[in-house]
PDB file of N, CA and C in Angstrom:
ATOM      1  N   MET A   1      98.876  98.395  98.662  1.00  0.00           N
ATOM      2  CA  MET A   1      99.902  98.963  97.824  1.00  0.00           C
ATOM      3  C   MET A   1     100.259 100.331  98.392  1.00  0.00           C
ATOM      4  N   GLU A   2     101.539 100.635  98.389  1.00  0.00           N
ATOM      5  CA  GLU A   2     101.996 101.922  98.879  1.00  0.00           C
ATOM      6  C   GLU A   2     102.728 102.638  97.755  1.00  0.00           C
ATOM      7  N   LEU A   3     102.296 103.850  97.452  1.00  0.00           N
ATOM      8  CA  LEU A   3     102.919 104.641  96.393  1.00  0.00           C
ATOM      9  C   LEU A   3     103.840 105.678  97.005  1.00  0.00           C
ATOM     10  N   LYS A   4     105.096 105.685  96.588  1.00  0.00           N
ATOM     11  CA  LYS A   4     106.025 106.682  97.100  1.00  0.00           C
ATOM     12  C   LYS A   4     105.591 108.055  96.598  1.00  0.00           C
ATOM     13  N   ASP A   5     105.363 108.965  97.520  1.00  0.00           N
ATOM     14  CA  ASP A   5     104.882 110.314  97.206  1.00  0.00           C
ATOM     15  C   ASP A   5     103.610 110.263  96.364  1.00  0.00           C
ATOM     16  N   GLY A   6     102.790 109.267  96.608  1.00  0.00           N
ATOM     17  CA  GLY A   6     101.556 109.093  95.846  1.00  0.00           C
ATOM     18  C   GLY A   6     100.418 109.931  96.403  1.00  0.00           C
ATOM     19  N   ALA A   7      99.220 109.554  96.071  1.00  0.00           N
ATOM     20  CA  ALA A   7      98.038 110.290  96.498  1.00  0.00           C
ATOM     21  C   ALA A   7      97.993 110.361  98.015  1.00  0.00           C
ATOM     22  N   SER A   8      97.923 111.565  98.533  1.00  0.00           N
ATOM     23  CA  SER A   8      97.912 111.721  99.983  1.00  0.00           C
ATOM     24  C   SER A   8      96.543 112.135 100.502  1.00  0.00           C
ATOM     25  N   CYS A   9      95.631 112.456  99.610  1.00  0.00           N
ATOM     26  CA  CYS A   9      94.281 112.839 100.017  1.00  0.00           C
ATOM     27  C   CYS A   9      93.342 111.657  99.832  1.00  0.00           C
ATOM     28  N   PRO A  10      92.526 111.365 100.846  1.00  0.00           N
ATOM     29  CA  PRO A  10      91.565 110.272 100.703  1.00  0.00           C
ATOM     30  C   PRO A  10      90.605 110.539  99.548  1.00  0.00           C
ATOM     31  N   GLY A  11      90.209 109.474  98.881  1.00  0.00           N
ATOM     32  CA  GLY A  11      89.255 109.608  97.786  1.00  0.00           C
ATOM     33  C   GLY A  11      89.387 108.476  96.798  1.00  0.00           C
ATOM     34  N   ASN A  12      88.600 108.525  95.743  1.00  0.00           N
ATOM     35  CA  ASN A  12      88.647 107.534  94.671  1.00  0.00           C
ATOM     36  C   ASN A  12      89.410 108.126  93.498  1.00  0.00           C
ATOM     37  N   TYR A  13      90.320 107.336  92.925  1.00  0.00           N
ATOM     38  CA  TYR A  13      91.158 107.794  91.829  1.00  0.00           C
ATOM     39  C   TYR A  13      91.032 106.848  90.643  1.00  0.00           C
ATOM     40  N   LEU A  14      90.966 107.428  89.450  1.00  0.00           N
ATOM     41  CA  LEU A  14      90.891 106.670  88.205  1.00  0.00           C
ATOM     42  C   LEU A  14      92.303 106.440  87.689  1.00  0.00           C
ATOM     43  N   TYR A  15      92.595 105.225  87.251  1.00  0.00           N
ATOM     44  CA  TYR A  15      93.870 104.984  86.577  1.00  0.00           C
ATOM     45  C   TYR A  15      93.589 104.371  85.217  1.00  0.00           C
ATOM     46  N   ARG A  16      94.495 104.628  84.280  1.00  0.00           N
ATOM     47  CA  ARG A  16      94.345 104.140  82.914  1.00  0.00           C
ATOM     48  C   ARG A  16      95.703 104.176  82.237  1.00  0.00           C
ATOM     49  N   SER A  17      95.785 103.608  81.058  1.00  0.00           N
ATOM     50  CA  SER A  17      97.032 103.659  80.291  1.00  0.00           C
ATOM     51  C   SER A  17      96.707 104.095  78.872  1.00  0.00           C
ATOM     52  N   GLY A  18      97.250 105.219  78.450  1.00  0.00           N
ATOM     53  CA  GLY A  18      97.004 105.698  77.099  1.00  0.00           C
ATOM     54  C   GLY A  18      95.875 106.704  77.024  1.00  0.00           C
ATOM     55  N   SER A  19      95.236 106.762  75.861  1.00  0.00           N
ATOM     56  CA  SER A  19      94.175 107.748  75.659  1.00  0.00           C
ATOM     57  C   SER A  19      92.897 107.314  76.365  1.00  0.00           C
ATOM     58  N   PHE A  20      92.218 108.271  76.926  1.00  0.00           N
ATOM     59  CA  PHE A  20      91.020 107.983  77.717  1.00  0.00           C
ATOM     60  C   PHE A  20      89.935 107.305  76.882  1.00  0.00           C
ATOM     61  N   GLY A  21      89.731 107.776  75.659  1.00  0.00           N
ATOM     62  CA  GLY A  21      88.676 107.216  74.800  1.00  0.00           C
ATOM     63  C   GLY A  21      88.846 105.726  74.544  1.00  0.00           C
ATOM     64  N   TRP A  22      90.045 105.316  74.153  1.00  0.00           N
ATOM     65  CA  TRP A  22      90.292 103.900  73.858  1.00  0.00           C
ATOM     66  C   TRP A  22      90.276 103.059  75.125  1.00  0.00           C
ATOM     67  N   ASP A  23      90.844 103.577  76.200  1.00  0.00           N
ATOM     68  CA  ASP A  23      90.908 102.813  77.448  1.00  0.00           C
ATOM     69  C   ASP A  23      89.519 102.480  77.976  1.00  0.00           C
ATOM     70  N   VAL A  24      88.640 103.455  77.960  1.00  0.00           N
ATOM     71  CA  VAL A  24      87.283 103.231  78.472  1.00  0.00           C
ATOM     72  C   VAL A  24      86.548 102.232  77.589  1.00  0.00           C
ATOM     73  N   GLU A  25      86.687 102.399  76.288  1.00  0.00           N
ATOM     74  CA  GLU A  25      85.998 101.518  75.347  1.00  0.00           C
ATOM     75  C   GLU A  25      86.431 100.062  75.503  1.00  0.00           C
ATOM     76  N   TYR A  26      87.717  99.834  75.722  1.00  0.00           N
ATOM     77  CA  TYR A  26      88.237  98.468  75.823  1.00  0.00           C
ATOM     78  C   TYR A  26      88.397  97.978  77.260  1.00  0.00           C
ATOM     79  N   GLY A  27      87.965  98.766  78.223  1.00  0.00           N
ATOM     80  CA  GLY A  27      87.995  98.324  79.615  1.00  0.00           C
ATOM     81  C   GLY A  27      89.369  98.329  80.257  1.00  0.00           C
ATOM     82  N   MET A  28      90.295  99.141  79.727  1.00  0.00           N
ATOM     83  CA  MET A  28      91.654  99.191  80.281  1.00  0.00           C
ATOM     84  C   MET A  28      91.775 100.355  81.259  1.00  0.00           C
ATOM     85  N   TRP A  29      91.006 100.301  82.328  1.00  0.00           N
ATOM     86  CA  TRP A  29      91.023 101.337  83.337  1.00  0.00           C
ATOM     87  C   TRP A  29      90.543 100.730  84.650  1.00  0.00           C
ATOM     88  N   GLY A  30      90.665 101.463  85.700  1.00  0.00           N
ATOM     89  CA  GLY A  30      90.192 100.998  86.998  1.00  0.00           C
ATOM     90  C   GLY A  30      90.139 102.152  87.986  1.00  0.00           C
ATOM     91  N   ILE A  31      89.661 101.853  89.160  1.00  0.00           N
ATOM     92  CA  ILE A  31      89.540 102.843  90.223  1.00  0.00           C
ATOM     93  C   ILE A  31      90.214 102.278  91.465  1.00  0.00           C
ATOM     94  N   PHE A  32      90.994 103.099  92.147  1.00  0.00           N
ATOM     95  CA  PHE A  32      91.510 102.668  93.441  1.00  0.00           C
ATOM     96  C   PHE A  32      91.124 103.698  94.486  1.00  0.00           C
ATOM     97  N   ARG A  33      90.973 103.253  95.686  1.00  0.00           N
ATOM     98  CA  ARG A  33      90.517 104.092  96.790  1.00  0.00           C
ATOM     99  C   ARG A  33      91.667 104.335  97.759  1.00  0.00           C
ATOM    100  N   VAL A  34      91.862 105.601  98.090  1.00  0.00           N
ATOM    101  CA  VAL A  34      92.851 105.979  99.096  1.00  0.00           C
ATOM    102  C   VAL A  34      92.086 106.260 100.380  1.00  0.00           C
ATOM    103  N   MET A  35      92.435 105.510 101.416  1.00  0.00           N
ATOM    104  CA  MET A  35      91.759 105.634 102.705  1.00  0.00           C
ATOM    105  C   MET A  35      92.493 106.654 103.575  1.00  0.00           C
ATOM    106  N   LYS A  36      91.819 107.105 104.619  1.00  0.00           N
ATOM    107  CA  LYS A  36      92.463 107.984 105.590  1.00  0.00           C
ATOM    108  C   LYS A  36      93.592 107.229 106.271  1.00  0.00           C
ATOM    109  N   HIS A  37      94.674 107.938 106.588  1.00  0.00           N
ATOM    110  CA  HIS A  37      95.787 107.321 107.314  1.00  0.00           C
ATOM    111  C   HIS A  37      95.378 107.078 108.757  1.00  0.00           C
ATOM    112  N   SER A  38      95.731 105.925 109.254  1.00  0.00           N
ATOM    113  CA  SER A  38      95.532 105.674 110.680  1.00  0.00           C
ATOM    114  C   SER A  38      96.702 106.308 111.426  1.00  0.00           C
ATOM    115  N   ILE A  39      96.590 106.400 112.726  1.00  0.00           N
ATOM    116  CA  ILE A  39      97.678 106.968 113.542  1.00  0.00           C
ATOM    117  C   ILE A  39      98.936 106.137 113.352  1.00  0.00           C
ATOM    118  N   ARG A  40      98.791 104.821 113.270  1.00  0.00           N
ATOM    119  CA  ARG A  40      99.951 103.945 113.099  1.00  0.00           C
ATOM    120  C   ARG A  40     100.678 104.265 111.796  1.00  0.00           C
ATOM    121  N   CYS A  41      99.935 104.465 110.728  1.00  0.00           N
ATOM    122  CA  CYS A  41     100.541 104.790 109.433  1.00  0.00           C
ATOM    123  C   CYS A  41     101.264 106.129 109.495  1.00  0.00           C
ATOM    124  N   LYS A  42     100.649 107.109 110.153  1.00  0.00           N
ATOM    125  CA  LYS A  42     101.282 108.422 110.252  1.00  0.00           C
ATOM    126  C   LYS A  42     102.578 108.335 111.034  1.00  0.00           C
ATOM    127  N   CYS A  43     102.588 107.551 112.111  1.00  0.00           N
ATOM    128  CA  CYS A  43     103.805 107.389 112.912  1.00  0.00           C
ATOM    129  C   CYS A  43     104.888 106.689 112.100  1.00  0.00           C
ATOM    130  N   LYS A  44     104.505 105.664 111.368  1.00  0.00           N
ATOM    131  CA  LYS A  44     105.457 104.921 110.538  1.00  0.00           C
ATOM    132  C   LYS A  44     106.065 105.839 109.484  1.00  0.00           C
ATOM    133  N   GLU A  45     105.241 106.657 108.869  1.00  0.00           N
ATOM    134  CA  GLU A  45     105.706 107.583 107.840  1.00  0.00           C
ATOM    135  C   GLU A  45     106.661 108.618 108.431  1.00  0.00           C
ATOM    136  N   MET A  46     106.305 109.169 109.581  1.00  0.00           N
ATOM    137  CA  MET A  46     107.134 110.187 110.211  1.00  0.00           C
ATOM    138  C   MET A  46     108.479 109.607 110.647  1.00  0.00           C
ATOM    139  N   CYS A  47     108.474 108.411 111.208  1.00  0.00           N
ATOM    140  CA  CYS A  47     109.717 107.762 111.629  1.00  0.00           C
ATOM    141  C   CYS A  47     110.613 107.494 110.424  1.00  0.00           C
ATOM    142  N   GLY A  48     110.017 107.078 109.321  1.00  0.00           N
ATOM    143  CA  GLY A  48     110.780 106.840 108.098  1.00  0.00           C
ATOM    144  C   GLY A  48     111.444 108.109 107.591  1.00  0.00           C
ATOM    145  N   ARG A  49     110.726 109.212 107.639  1.00  0.00           N
ATOM    146  CA  ARG A  49     111.289 110.493 107.199  1.00  0.00           C
ATOM    147  C   ARG A  49     112.444 110.917 108.100  1.00  0.00           C
ATOM    148  N   LEU A  50     112.265 110.747 109.410  1.00  0.00           N
ATOM    149  CA  LEU A  50     113.330 111.111 110.347  1.00  0.00           C
ATOM    150  C   LEU A  50     114.584 110.285 110.104  1.00  0.00           C
ATOM    151  N   LEU A  51     114.409 108.990 109.878  1.00  0.00           N
ATOM    152  CA  LEU A  51     115.560 108.122 109.638  1.00  0.00           C
ATOM    153  C   LEU A  51     116.287 108.502 108.351  1.00  0.00           C
ATOM    154  N   ARG A  52     115.524 108.853 107.308  1.00  0.00           N
ATOM    155  CA  ARG A  52     116.152 109.260 106.046  1.00  0.00           C
ATOM    156  C   ARG A  52     116.924 110.568 106.213  1.00  0.00           C
ATOM    157  N   CYS A  53     116.403 111.477 107.036  1.00  0.00           N
ATOM    158  CA  CYS A  53     117.083 112.759 107.264  1.00  0.00           C
ATOM    159  C   CYS A  53     118.381 112.571 108.037  1.00  0.00           C
ATOM    160  N   MET A  54     118.423 111.566 108.900  1.00  0.00           N
ATOM    161  CA  MET A  54     119.593 111.342 109.744  1.00  0.00           C
ATOM    162  C   MET A  54     120.732 110.670 108.990  1.00  0.00           C
ATOM    163  N   LYS A  55     120.454 110.096 107.833  1.00  0.00           N
ATOM    164  CA  LYS A  55     121.501 109.396 107.066  1.00  0.00           C
ATOM    165  C   LYS A  55     122.475 110.357 106.447  1.00  0.00           C
TER     166      LYS A  55
END
């Protein structure tokens, strides 16, 4: 999954919907991991930015 302007720092992130107390109690939460960008990903991102600037 790719998030536009999403988490850019590697790490584990908690997601939930609504109040934290109810979400945890009813299991409506999760964790996703953001990995380090590979060189290929960085190149793809930079090329995309350049193309958007040229429009």
